[in-house]
Amino acid sequence: MHEMSLCEGILQVLETESQKQGFDCVKNVWLEIGDLAGVETEALLFCFDAVTRDSLADRAKLNIIHTPGSAWCLKCAKNVSVKQRFDECPQCGSYQLQVTGGDEMRIKELEVE
């Protein structure tokens, strides 16, 4: 379950930013996750609660913002939406797609005290 290590990485970022910016408590985390990032949302929510217990983010709410996947079709030269990797181009049916977005995960916003 790589979601556990993702949550550990999120907590490390929170702790580092806490030292830099001088906050003691995290109330809300808004996490942007692309549809092509390969992250299981339910597992991430479960792991976040476990990893942040007794930390500066104890009882913080993890808010997920989903971003759509996008790709460039080499055959029809169009930017298209895709729901998962290795989808066909919805315009021409080609499988020659290069992912251009929706495969990232980033902390978008924090509510802290």
PDB file of N, CA and C in Angstrom:
ATOM      1  N   MET A   1       0.858  -1.175   0.000  1.00  0.00           N
ATOM      2  CA  MET A   1       0.000   0.000   0.000  1.00  0.00           C
ATOM      3  C   MET A   1       0.902   1.236   0.000  1.00  0.00           C
ATOM      4  N   HIS A   2       1.084   1.842  -1.168  1.00  0.00           N
ATOM      5  CA  HIS A   2       1.959   3.005  -1.252  1.00  0.00           C
ATOM      6  C   HIS A   2       1.297   4.267  -0.707  1.00  0.00           C
ATOM      7  N   GLU A   3       0.005   4.226  -0.440  1.00  0.00           N
ATOM      8  CA  GLU A   3      -0.674   5.387   0.132  1.00  0.00           C
ATOM      9  C   GLU A   3      -0.126   5.736   1.513  1.00  0.00           C
ATOM     10  N   MET A   4       0.323   4.733   2.256  1.00  0.00           N
ATOM     11  CA  MET A   4       0.921   4.970   3.578  1.00  0.00           C
ATOM     12  C   MET A   4       2.192   5.814   3.429  1.00  0.00           C
ATOM     13  N   SER A   5       3.040   5.461   2.489  1.00  0.00           N
ATOM     14  CA  SER A   5       4.275   6.240   2.299  1.00  0.00           C
ATOM     15  C   SER A   5       3.964   7.631   1.741  1.00  0.00           C
ATOM     16  N   LEU A   6       2.917   7.759   0.941  1.00  0.00           N
ATOM     17  CA  LEU A   6       2.506   9.086   0.472  1.00  0.00           C
ATOM     18  C   LEU A   6       2.090   9.965   1.647  1.00  0.00           C
ATOM     19  N   CYS A   7       1.345   9.393   2.581  1.00  0.00           N
ATOM     20  CA  CYS A   7       0.914  10.152   3.760  1.00  0.00           C
ATOM     21  C   CYS A   7       2.089  10.518   4.651  1.00  0.00           C
ATOM     22  N   GLU A   8       3.063   9.628   4.760  1.00  0.00           N
ATOM     23  CA  GLU A   8       4.266   9.950   5.526  1.00  0.00           C
ATOM     24  C   GLU A   8       5.005  11.114   4.881  1.00  0.00           C
ATOM     25  N   GLY A   9       5.032  11.152   3.558  1.00  0.00           N
ATOM     26  CA  GLY A   9       5.654  12.268   2.852  1.00  0.00           C
ATOM     27  C   GLY A   9       4.892  13.565   3.060  1.00  0.00           C
ATOM     28  N   ILE A  10       3.568  13.488   3.058  1.00  0.00           N
ATOM     29  CA  ILE A  10       2.746  14.684   3.318  1.00  0.00           C
ATOM     30  C   ILE A  10       3.043  15.214   4.716  1.00  0.00           C
ATOM     31  N   LEU A  11       3.113  14.326   5.698  1.00  0.00           N
ATOM     32  CA  LEU A  11       3.400  14.747   7.068  1.00  0.00           C
ATOM     33  C   LEU A  11       4.783  15.395   7.159  1.00  0.00           C
ATOM     34  N   GLN A  12       5.760  14.865   6.449  1.00  0.00           N
ATOM     35  CA  GLN A  12       7.097  15.475   6.443  1.00  0.00           C
ATOM     36  C   GLN A  12       7.049  16.895   5.892  1.00  0.00           C
ATOM     37  N   VAL A  13       6.273  17.108   4.829  1.00  0.00           N
ATOM     38  CA  VAL A  13       6.121  18.452   4.265  1.00  0.00           C
ATOM     39  C   VAL A  13       5.474  19.374   5.288  1.00  0.00           C
ATOM     40  N   LEU A  14       4.441  18.889   5.966  1.00  0.00           N
ATOM     41  CA  LEU A  14       3.757  19.697   6.975  1.00  0.00           C
ATOM     42  C   LEU A  14       4.697  20.082   8.113  1.00  0.00           C
ATOM     43  N   GLU A  15       5.502  19.133   8.570  1.00  0.00           N
ATOM     44  CA  GLU A  15       6.445  19.409   9.654  1.00  0.00           C
ATOM     45  C   GLU A  15       7.515  20.412   9.220  1.00  0.00           C
ATOM     46  N   THR A  16       8.009  20.264   8.008  1.00  0.00           N
ATOM     47  CA  THR A  16       9.011  21.199   7.485  1.00  0.00           C
ATOM     48  C   THR A  16       8.430  22.603   7.368  1.00  0.00           C
ATOM     49  N   GLU A  17       7.225  22.707   6.822  1.00  0.00           N
ATOM     50  CA  GLU A  17       6.589  24.019   6.675  1.00  0.00           C
ATOM     51  C   GLU A  17       6.229  24.620   8.024  1.00  0.00           C
ATOM     52  N   SER A  18       5.907  23.776   8.993  1.00  0.00           N
ATOM     53  CA  SER A  18       5.620  24.254  10.344  1.00  0.00           C
ATOM     54  C   SER A  18       6.836  24.965  10.927  1.00  0.00           C
ATOM     55  N   GLN A  19       8.014  24.390  10.734  1.00  0.00           N
ATOM     56  CA  GLN A  19       9.244  25.005  11.232  1.00  0.00           C
ATOM     57  C   GLN A  19       9.560  26.296  10.487  1.00  0.00           C
ATOM     58  N   LYS A  20       9.340  26.306   9.178  1.00  0.00           N
ATOM     59  CA  LYS A  20       9.633  27.496   8.374  1.00  0.00           C
ATOM     60  C   LYS A  20       8.666  28.639   8.668  1.00  0.00           C
ATOM     61  N   GLN A  21       7.361  28.294   8.786  1.00  0.00           N
ATOM     62  CA  GLN A  21       6.332  29.321   8.866  1.00  0.00           C
ATOM     63  C   GLN A  21       5.802  29.569  10.276  1.00  0.00           C
ATOM     64  N   GLY A  22       6.177  28.724  11.224  1.00  0.00           N
ATOM     65  CA  GLY A  22       5.837  28.954  12.616  1.00  0.00           C
ATOM     66  C   GLY A  22       4.413  28.627  13.028  1.00  0.00           C
ATOM     67  N   PHE A  23       3.819  27.612  12.473  1.00  0.00           N
ATOM     68  CA  PHE A  23       2.500  27.192  12.949  1.00  0.00           C
ATOM     69  C   PHE A  23       2.635  25.903  13.749  1.00  0.00           C
ATOM     70  N   ASP A  24       1.668  25.649  14.633  1.00  0.00           N
ATOM     71  CA  ASP A  24       1.735  24.506  15.536  1.00  0.00           C
ATOM     72  C   ASP A  24       0.703  23.423  15.248  1.00  0.00           C
ATOM     73  N   CYS A  25      -0.334  23.777  14.493  1.00  0.00           N
ATOM     74  CA  CYS A  25      -1.446  22.854  14.314  1.00  0.00           C
ATOM     75  C   CYS A  25      -2.003  22.975  12.896  1.00  0.00           C
ATOM     76  N   VAL A  26      -2.268  21.848  12.278  1.00  0.00           N
ATOM     77  CA  VAL A  26      -2.885  21.822  10.954  1.00  0.00           C
ATOM     78  C   VAL A  26      -4.327  21.369  11.126  1.00  0.00           C
ATOM     79  N   LYS A  27      -5.256  22.169  10.611  1.00  0.00           N
ATOM     80  CA  LYS A  27      -6.692  21.858  10.713  1.00  0.00           C
ATOM     81  C   LYS A  27      -7.232  21.187   9.450  1.00  0.00           C
ATOM     82  N   ASN A  28      -6.833  21.685   8.289  1.00  0.00           N
ATOM     83  CA  ASN A  28      -7.295  21.175   6.997  1.00  0.00           C
ATOM     84  C   ASN A  28      -6.148  21.128   6.009  1.00  0.00           C
ATOM     85  N   VAL A  29      -6.148  20.091   5.195  1.00  0.00           N
ATOM     86  CA  VAL A  29      -5.199  19.952   4.102  1.00  0.00           C
ATOM     87  C   VAL A  29      -6.009  19.720   2.835  1.00  0.00           C
ATOM     88  N   TRP A  30      -5.774  20.536   1.813  1.00  0.00           N
ATOM     89  CA  TRP A  30      -6.396  20.323   0.515  1.00  0.00           C
ATOM     90  C   TRP A  30      -5.326  19.733  -0.392  1.00  0.00           C
ATOM     91  N   LEU A  31      -5.590  18.523  -0.862  1.00  0.00           N
ATOM     92  CA  LEU A  31      -4.638  17.774  -1.666  1.00  0.00           C
ATOM     93  C   LEU A  31      -5.218  17.597  -3.062  1.00  0.00           C
ATOM     94  N   GLU A  32      -4.475  18.033  -4.047  1.00  0.00           N
ATOM     95  CA  GLU A  32      -4.897  17.902  -5.439  1.00  0.00           C
ATOM     96  C   GLU A  32      -4.294  16.620  -6.002  1.00  0.00           C
ATOM     97  N   ILE A  33      -5.159  15.731  -6.503  1.00  0.00           N
ATOM     98  CA  ILE A  33      -4.699  14.450  -7.026  1.00  0.00           C
ATOM     99  C   ILE A  33      -5.264  14.266  -8.436  1.00  0.00           C
ATOM    100  N   GLY A  34      -4.392  14.017  -9.375  1.00  0.00           N
ATOM    101  CA  GLY A  34      -4.816  13.768 -10.751  1.00  0.00           C
ATOM    102  C   GLY A  34      -5.410  12.374 -10.901  1.00  0.00           C
ATOM    103  N   ASP A  35      -6.350  12.262 -11.828  1.00  0.00           N
ATOM    104  CA  ASP A  35      -6.989  10.971 -12.086  1.00  0.00           C
ATOM    105  C   ASP A  35      -6.010   9.907 -12.560  1.00  0.00           C
ATOM    106  N   LEU A  36      -4.873  10.319 -13.088  1.00  0.00           N
ATOM    107  CA  LEU A  36      -3.870   9.380 -13.594  1.00  0.00           C
ATOM    108  C   LEU A  36      -2.725   9.152 -12.610  1.00  0.00           C
ATOM    109  N   ALA A  37      -2.857   9.660 -11.383  1.00  0.00           N
ATOM    110  CA  ALA A  37      -1.772   9.569 -10.403  1.00  0.00           C
ATOM    111  C   ALA A  37      -1.634   8.175  -9.795  1.00  0.00           C
ATOM    112  N   GLY A  38      -2.638   7.344  -9.938  1.00  0.00           N
ATOM    113  CA  GLY A  38      -2.552   5.987  -9.388  1.00  0.00           C
ATOM    114  C   GLY A  38      -2.698   5.944  -7.882  1.00  0.00           C
ATOM    115  N   VAL A  39      -3.468   6.876  -7.323  1.00  0.00           N
ATOM    116  CA  VAL A  39      -3.666   6.938  -5.878  1.00  0.00           C
ATOM    117  C   VAL A  39      -5.089   6.503  -5.555  1.00  0.00           C
ATOM    118  N   GLU A  40      -5.217   5.571  -4.634  1.00  0.00           N
ATOM    119  CA  GLU A  40      -6.523   5.109  -4.169  1.00  0.00           C
ATOM    120  C   GLU A  40      -6.986   6.048  -3.057  1.00  0.00           C
ATOM    121  N   THR A  41      -8.008   6.843  -3.346  1.00  0.00           N
ATOM    122  CA  THR A  41      -8.455   7.902  -2.448  1.00  0.00           C
ATOM    123  C   THR A  41      -8.877   7.383  -1.079  1.00  0.00           C
ATOM    124  N   GLU A  42      -9.666   6.326  -1.043  1.00  0.00           N
ATOM    125  CA  GLU A  42     -10.137   5.790   0.239  1.00  0.00           C
ATOM    126  C   GLU A  42      -8.978   5.309   1.102  1.00  0.00           C
ATOM    127  N   ALA A  43      -8.021   4.647   0.490  1.00  0.00           N
ATOM    128  CA  ALA A  43      -6.844   4.180   1.230  1.00  0.00           C
ATOM    129  C   ALA A  43      -6.024   5.366   1.738  1.00  0.00           C
ATOM    130  N   LEU A  44      -5.912   6.407   0.925  1.00  0.00           N
ATOM    131  CA  LEU A  44      -5.170   7.598   1.335  1.00  0.00           C
ATOM    132  C   LEU A  44      -5.825   8.263   2.541  1.00  0.00           C
ATOM    133  N   LEU A  45      -7.141   8.390   2.531  1.00  0.00           N
ATOM    134  CA  LEU A  45      -7.862   8.991   3.662  1.00  0.00           C
ATOM    135  C   LEU A  45      -7.653   8.179   4.934  1.00  0.00           C
ATOM    136  N   PHE A  46      -7.718   6.859   4.831  1.00  0.00           N
ATOM    137  CA  PHE A  46      -7.507   5.987   5.981  1.00  0.00           C
ATOM    138  C   PHE A  46      -6.080   6.137   6.519  1.00  0.00           C
ATOM    139  N   CYS A  47      -5.108   6.097   5.613  1.00  0.00           N
ATOM    140  CA  CYS A  47      -3.704   6.189   6.021  1.00  0.00           C
ATOM    141  C   CYS A  47      -3.374   7.553   6.614  1.00  0.00           C
ATOM    142  N   PHE A  48      -3.978   8.604   6.083  1.00  0.00           N
ATOM    143  CA  PHE A  48      -3.712   9.958   6.596  1.00  0.00           C
ATOM    144  C   PHE A  48      -4.067  10.040   8.072  1.00  0.00           C
ATOM    145  N   ASP A  49      -5.228   9.504   8.440  1.00  0.00           N
ATOM    146  CA  ASP A  49      -5.628   9.524   9.851  1.00  0.00           C
ATOM    147  C   ASP A  49      -4.652   8.743  10.723  1.00  0.00           C
ATOM    148  N   ALA A  50      -4.184   7.610  10.227  1.00  0.00           N
ATOM    149  CA  ALA A  50      -3.256   6.782  11.005  1.00  0.00           C
ATOM    150  C   ALA A  50      -1.884   7.447  11.133  1.00  0.00           C
ATOM    151  N   VAL A  51      -1.382   7.994  10.045  1.00  0.00           N
ATOM    152  CA  VAL A  51      -0.035   8.583  10.038  1.00  0.00           C
ATOM    153  C   VAL A  51       0.031   9.875  10.857  1.00  0.00           C
ATOM    154  N   THR A  52      -1.031  10.663  10.833  1.00  0.00           N
ATOM    155  CA  THR A  52      -1.000  11.971  11.498  1.00  0.00           C
ATOM    156  C   THR A  52      -1.405  11.925  12.968  1.00  0.00           C
ATOM    157  N   ARG A  53      -1.795  10.763  13.461  1.00  0.00           N
ATOM    158  CA  ARG A  53      -2.170  10.648  14.878  1.00  0.00           C
ATOM    159  C   ARG A  53      -1.000  11.076  15.760  1.00  0.00           C
ATOM    160  N   ASP A  54      -1.296  11.898  16.766  1.00  0.00           N
ATOM    161  CA  ASP A  54      -0.304  12.423  17.725  1.00  0.00           C
ATOM    162  C   ASP A  54       0.773  13.283  17.056  1.00  0.00           C
ATOM    163  N   SER A  55       0.409  13.962  15.974  1.00  0.00           N
ATOM    164  CA  SER A  55       1.328  14.876  15.294  1.00  0.00           C
ATOM    165  C   SER A  55       0.681  16.257  15.216  1.00  0.00           C
ATOM    166  N   LEU A  56       1.345  17.197  14.589  1.00  0.00           N
ATOM    167  CA  LEU A  56       0.774  18.527  14.436  1.00  0.00           C
ATOM    168  C   LEU A  56      -0.474  18.517  13.553  1.00  0.00           C
ATOM    169  N   ALA A  57      -0.720  17.424  12.845  1.00  0.00           N
ATOM    170  CA  ALA A  57      -1.905  17.302  11.986  1.00  0.00           C
ATOM    171  C   ALA A  57      -2.922  16.312  12.553  1.00  0.00           C
ATOM    172  N   ASP A  58      -2.811  16.016  13.851  1.00  0.00           N
ATOM    173  CA  ASP A  58      -3.775  15.116  14.484  1.00  0.00           C
ATOM    174  C   ASP A  58      -5.181  15.703  14.344  1.00  0.00           C
ATOM    175  N   ARG A  59      -6.105  14.917  13.879  1.00  0.00           N
ATOM    176  CA  ARG A  59      -7.514  15.300  13.642  1.00  0.00           C
ATOM    177  C   ARG A  59      -7.697  16.296  12.490  1.00  0.00           C
ATOM    178  N   ALA A  60      -6.669  16.515  11.700  1.00  0.00           N
ATOM    179  CA  ALA A  60      -6.815  17.375  10.520  1.00  0.00           C
ATOM    180  C   ALA A  60      -7.679  16.667   9.487  1.00  0.00           C
ATOM    181  N   LYS A  61      -8.419  17.447   8.733  1.00  0.00           N
ATOM    182  CA  LYS A  61      -9.259  16.887   7.682  1.00  0.00           C
ATOM    183  C   LYS A  61      -8.499  16.946   6.370  1.00  0.00           C
ATOM    184  N   LEU A  62      -8.476  15.823   5.671  1.00  0.00           N
ATOM    185  CA  LEU A  62      -7.844  15.753   4.357  1.00  0.00           C
ATOM    186  C   LEU A  62      -8.932  15.905   3.301  1.00  0.00           C
ATOM    187  N   ASN A  63      -8.850  16.972   2.524  1.00  0.00           N
ATOM    188  CA  ASN A  63      -9.810  17.270   1.467  1.00  0.00           C
ATOM    189  C   ASN A  63      -9.166  16.954   0.127  1.00  0.00           C
ATOM    190  N   ILE A  64      -9.817  16.116  -0.660  1.00  0.00           N
ATOM    191  CA  ILE A  64      -9.277  15.691  -1.949  1.00  0.00           C
ATOM    192  C   ILE A  64      -9.922  16.492  -3.078  1.00  0.00           C
ATOM    193  N   ILE A  65      -9.078  17.056  -3.922  1.00  0.00           N
ATOM    194  CA  ILE A  65      -9.526  17.742  -5.130  1.00  0.00           C
ATOM    195  C   ILE A  65      -9.034  16.910  -6.312  1.00  0.00           C
ATOM    196  N   HIS A  66      -9.972  16.337  -7.056  1.00  0.00           N
ATOM    197  CA  HIS A  66      -9.603  15.517  -8.213  1.00  0.00           C
ATOM    198  C   HIS A  66      -9.394  16.403  -9.436  1.00  0.00           C
ATOM    199  N   THR A  67      -8.312  16.140 -10.176  1.00  0.00           N
ATOM    200  CA  THR A  67      -8.065  16.848 -11.427  1.00  0.00           C
ATOM    201  C   THR A  67      -8.103  15.833 -12.569  1.00  0.00           C
ATOM    202  N   PRO A  68      -8.683  16.213 -13.691  1.00  0.00           N
ATOM    203  CA  PRO A  68      -8.832  15.272 -14.802  1.00  0.00           C
ATOM    204  C   PRO A  68      -7.506  14.971 -15.489  1.00  0.00           C
ATOM    205  N   GLY A  69      -7.473  13.826 -16.133  1.00  0.00           N
ATOM    206  CA  GLY A  69      -6.309  13.457 -16.920  1.00  0.00           C
ATOM    207  C   GLY A  69      -6.394  14.067 -18.304  1.00  0.00           C
ATOM    208  N   SER A  70      -5.258  14.419 -18.852  1.00  0.00           N
ATOM    209  CA  SER A  70      -5.223  14.952 -20.216  1.00  0.00           C
ATOM    210  C   SER A  70      -3.998  14.391 -20.931  1.00  0.00           C
ATOM    211  N   ALA A  71      -4.110  14.325 -22.243  1.00  0.00           N
ATOM    212  CA  ALA A  71      -3.025  13.775 -23.050  1.00  0.00           C
ATOM    213  C   ALA A  71      -3.014  14.440 -24.420  1.00  0.00           C
ATOM    214  N   TRP A  72      -1.859  14.383 -25.066  1.00  0.00           N
ATOM    215  CA  TRP A  72      -1.692  14.882 -26.419  1.00  0.00           C
ATOM    216  C   TRP A  72      -1.686  13.671 -27.346  1.00  0.00           C
ATOM    217  N   CYS A  73      -2.578  13.696 -28.333  1.00  0.00           N
ATOM    218  CA  CYS A  73      -2.643  12.603 -29.304  1.00  0.00           C
ATOM    219  C   CYS A  73      -1.667  12.895 -30.436  1.00  0.00           C
ATOM    220  N   LEU A  74      -0.731  11.986 -30.630  1.00  0.00           N
ATOM    221  CA  LEU A  74       0.272  12.179 -31.672  1.00  0.00           C
ATOM    222  C   LEU A  74      -0.329  12.016 -33.064  1.00  0.00           C
ATOM    223  N   LYS A  75      -1.380  11.218 -33.180  1.00  0.00           N
ATOM    224  CA  LYS A  75      -1.969  10.965 -34.487  1.00  0.00           C
ATOM    225  C   LYS A  75      -2.837  12.132 -34.966  1.00  0.00           C
ATOM    226  N   CYS A  76      -3.772  12.593 -34.131  1.00  0.00           N
ATOM    227  CA  CYS A  76      -4.679  13.665 -34.574  1.00  0.00           C
ATOM    228  C   CYS A  76      -4.241  15.047 -34.086  1.00  0.00           C
ATOM    229  N   ALA A  77      -3.141  15.107 -33.339  1.00  0.00           N
ATOM    230  CA  ALA A  77      -2.553  16.368 -32.869  1.00  0.00           C
ATOM    231  C   ALA A  77      -3.547  17.213 -32.075  1.00  0.00           C
ATOM    232  N   LYS A  78      -4.253  16.553 -31.135  1.00  0.00           N
ATOM    233  CA  LYS A  78      -5.204  17.264 -30.283  1.00  0.00           C
ATOM    234  C   LYS A  78      -4.940  16.932 -28.826  1.00  0.00           C
ATOM    235  N   ASN A  79      -5.242  17.893 -27.963  1.00  0.00           N
ATOM    236  CA  ASN A  79      -5.196  17.669 -26.521  1.00  0.00           C
ATOM    237  C   ASN A  79      -6.550  17.085 -26.126  1.00  0.00           C
ATOM    238  N   VAL A  80      -6.550  15.909 -25.480  1.00  0.00           N
ATOM    239  CA  VAL A  80      -7.795  15.214 -25.167  1.00  0.00           C
ATOM    240  C   VAL A  80      -7.850  14.842 -23.687  1.00  0.00           C
ATOM    241  N   SER A  81      -9.057  14.618 -23.199  1.00  0.00           N
ATOM    242  CA  SER A  81      -9.258  14.145 -21.824  1.00  0.00           C
ATOM    243  C   SER A  81      -9.196  12.625 -21.803  1.00  0.00           C
ATOM    244  N   VAL A  82      -8.537  12.085 -20.762  1.00  0.00           N
ATOM    245  CA  VAL A  82      -8.473  10.630 -20.582  1.00  0.00           C
ATOM    246  C   VAL A  82      -8.783  10.307 -19.133  1.00  0.00           C
ATOM    247  N   LYS A  83      -9.421   9.171 -18.918  1.00  0.00           N
ATOM    248  CA  LYS A  83      -9.801   8.765 -17.566  1.00  0.00           C
ATOM    249  C   LYS A  83      -8.754   7.878 -16.915  1.00  0.00           C
ATOM    250  N   GLN A  84      -7.995   7.152 -17.740  1.00  0.00           N
ATOM    251  CA  GLN A  84      -6.933   6.297 -17.209  1.00  0.00           C
ATOM    252  C   GLN A  84      -5.832   6.141 -18.245  1.00  0.00           C
ATOM    253  N   ARG A  85      -4.682   5.735 -17.774  1.00  0.00           N
ATOM    254  CA  ARG A  85      -3.554   5.530 -18.684  1.00  0.00           C
ATOM    255  C   ARG A  85      -3.910   4.434 -19.685  1.00  0.00           C
ATOM    256  N   PHE A  86      -3.372   4.544 -20.863  1.00  0.00           N
ATOM    257  CA  PHE A  86      -3.544   3.582 -21.946  1.00  0.00           C
ATOM    258  C   PHE A  86      -4.957   3.576 -22.521  1.00  0.00           C
ATOM    259  N   ASP A  87      -5.740   4.641 -22.244  1.00  0.00           N
ATOM    260  CA  ASP A  87      -7.008   4.824 -22.939  1.00  0.00           C
ATOM    261  C   ASP A  87      -6.720   5.154 -24.396  1.00  0.00           C
ATOM    262  N   GLU A  88      -7.715   4.934 -25.232  1.00  0.00           N
ATOM    263  CA  GLU A  88      -7.581   5.359 -26.620  1.00  0.00           C
ATOM    264  C   GLU A  88      -7.998   6.819 -26.747  1.00  0.00           C
ATOM    265  N   CYS A  89      -7.570   7.454 -27.801  1.00  0.00           N
ATOM    266  CA  CYS A  89      -7.947   8.836 -28.063  1.00  0.00           C
ATOM    267  C   CYS A  89      -9.448   8.892 -28.349  1.00  0.00           C
ATOM    268  N   PRO A  90     -10.184   9.726 -27.629  1.00  0.00           N
ATOM    269  CA  PRO A  90     -11.619   9.800 -27.872  1.00  0.00           C
ATOM    270  C   PRO A  90     -11.958  10.444 -29.223  1.00  0.00           C
ATOM    271  N   GLN A  91     -10.983  11.081 -29.864  1.00  0.00           N
ATOM    272  CA  GLN A  91     -11.211  11.723 -31.158  1.00  0.00           C
ATOM    273  C   GLN A  91     -10.982  10.774 -32.332  1.00  0.00           C
ATOM    274  N   CYS A  92      -9.848  10.047 -32.289  1.00  0.00           N
ATOM    275  CA  CYS A  92      -9.492   9.236 -33.464  1.00  0.00           C
ATOM    276  C   CYS A  92      -9.288   7.750 -33.165  1.00  0.00           C
ATOM    277  N   GLY A  93      -9.288   7.356 -31.880  1.00  0.00           N
ATOM    278  CA  GLY A  93      -9.124   5.950 -31.526  1.00  0.00           C
ATOM    279  C   GLY A  93      -7.684   5.483 -31.413  1.00  0.00           C
ATOM    280  N   SER A  94      -6.734   6.357 -31.642  1.00  0.00           N
ATOM    281  CA  SER A  94      -5.323   6.001 -31.561  1.00  0.00           C
ATOM    282  C   SER A  94      -4.910   5.765 -30.104  1.00  0.00           C
ATOM    283  N   TYR A  95      -3.893   4.937 -29.939  1.00  0.00           N
ATOM    284  CA  TYR A  95      -3.321   4.712 -28.603  1.00  0.00           C
ATOM    285  C   TYR A  95      -1.986   5.441 -28.441  1.00  0.00           C
ATOM    286  N   GLN A  96      -1.670   6.324 -29.367  1.00  0.00           N
ATOM    287  CA  GLN A  96      -0.420   7.080 -29.324  1.00  0.00           C
ATOM    288  C   GLN A  96      -0.649   8.378 -28.550  1.00  0.00           C
ATOM    289  N   LEU A  97      -0.829   8.237 -27.250  1.00  0.00           N
ATOM    290  CA  LEU A  97      -1.107   9.388 -26.389  1.00  0.00           C
ATOM    291  C   LEU A  97       0.066   9.648 -25.459  1.00  0.00           C
ATOM    292  N   GLN A  98       0.350  10.922 -25.276  1.00  0.00           N
ATOM    293  CA  GLN A  98       1.378  11.335 -24.326  1.00  0.00           C
ATOM    294  C   GLN A  98       0.673  12.118 -23.216  1.00  0.00           C
ATOM    295  N   VAL A  99       0.754  11.618 -21.991  1.00  0.00           N
ATOM    296  CA  VAL A  99       0.091  12.261 -20.860  1.00  0.00           C
ATOM    297  C   VAL A  99       0.673  13.654 -20.650  1.00  0.00           C
ATOM    298  N   THR A 100      -0.219  14.648 -20.520  1.00  0.00           N
ATOM    299  CA  THR A 100       0.216  16.029 -20.309  1.00  0.00           C
ATOM    300  C   THR A 100      -0.273  16.598 -18.985  1.00  0.00           C
ATOM    301  N   GLY A 101      -1.170  15.900 -18.298  1.00  0.00           N
ATOM    302  CA  GLY A 101      -1.670  16.395 -17.018  1.00  0.00           C
ATOM    303  C   GLY A 101      -2.540  15.363 -16.329  1.00  0.00           C
ATOM    304  N   GLY A 102      -2.734  15.582 -15.033  1.00  0.00           N
ATOM    305  CA  GLY A 102      -3.565  14.673 -14.259  1.00  0.00           C
ATOM    306  C   GLY A 102      -2.813  13.512 -13.639  1.00  0.00           C
ATOM    307  N   ASP A 103      -1.486  13.538 -13.698  1.00  0.00           N
ATOM    308  CA  ASP A 103      -0.700  12.461 -13.085  1.00  0.00           C
ATOM    309  C   ASP A 103       0.066  12.955 -11.861  1.00  0.00           C
ATOM    310  N   GLU A 104      -0.295  14.140 -11.374  1.00  0.00           N
ATOM    311  CA  GLU A 104       0.423  14.728 -10.246  1.00  0.00           C
ATOM    312  C   GLU A 104      -0.399  14.664  -8.956  1.00  0.00           C
ATOM    313  N   MET A 105       0.293  14.879  -7.861  1.00  0.00           N
ATOM    314  CA  MET A 105      -0.321  15.012  -6.550  1.00  0.00           C
ATOM    315  C   MET A 105       0.433  16.115  -5.828  1.00  0.00           C
ATOM    316  N   ARG A 106      -0.318  17.093  -5.284  1.00  0.00           N
ATOM    317  CA  ARG A 106       0.353  18.193  -4.589  1.00  0.00           C
ATOM    318  C   ARG A 106      -0.555  18.762  -3.501  1.00  0.00           C
ATOM    319  N   ILE A 107       0.083  19.307  -2.492  1.00  0.00           N
ATOM    320  CA  ILE A 107      -0.646  20.011  -1.458  1.00  0.00           C
ATOM    321  C   ILE A 107      -1.011  21.369  -2.027  1.00  0.00           C
ATOM    322  N   LYS A 108      -2.290  21.630  -2.123  1.00  0.00           N
ATOM    323  CA  LYS A 108      -2.765  22.883  -2.711  1.00  0.00           C
ATOM    324  C   LYS A 108      -2.932  23.977  -1.674  1.00  0.00           C
ATOM    325  N   GLU A 109      -3.437  23.604  -0.479  1.00  0.00           N
ATOM    326  CA  GLU A 109      -3.730  24.616   0.529  1.00  0.00           C
ATOM    327  C   GLU A 109      -3.724  23.981   1.916  1.00  0.00           C
ATOM    328  N   LEU A 110      -3.428  24.803   2.922  1.00  0.00           N
ATOM    329  CA  LEU A 110      -3.453  24.369   4.318  1.00  0.00           C
ATOM    330  C   LEU A 110      -4.239  25.376   5.142  1.00  0.00           C
ATOM    331  N   GLU A 111      -4.944  24.874   6.146  1.00  0.00           N
ATOM    332  CA  GLU A 111      -5.521  25.736   7.182  1.00  0.00           C
ATOM    333  C   GLU A 111      -4.782  25.389   8.469  1.00  0.00           C
ATOM    334  N   VAL A 112      -4.114  26.367   9.047  1.00  0.00           N
ATOM    335  CA  VAL A 112      -3.233  26.110  10.188  1.00  0.00           C
ATOM    336  C   VAL A 112      -3.522  27.106  11.313  1.00  0.00           C
ATOM    337  N   GLU A 113      -3.013  26.787  12.487  1.00  0.00           N
ATOM    338  CA  GLU A 113      -3.056  27.694  13.654  1.00  0.00           C
ATOM    339  C   GLU A 113      -1.661  27.852  14.202  1.00  0.00           C
TER     340      GLU A 113
END
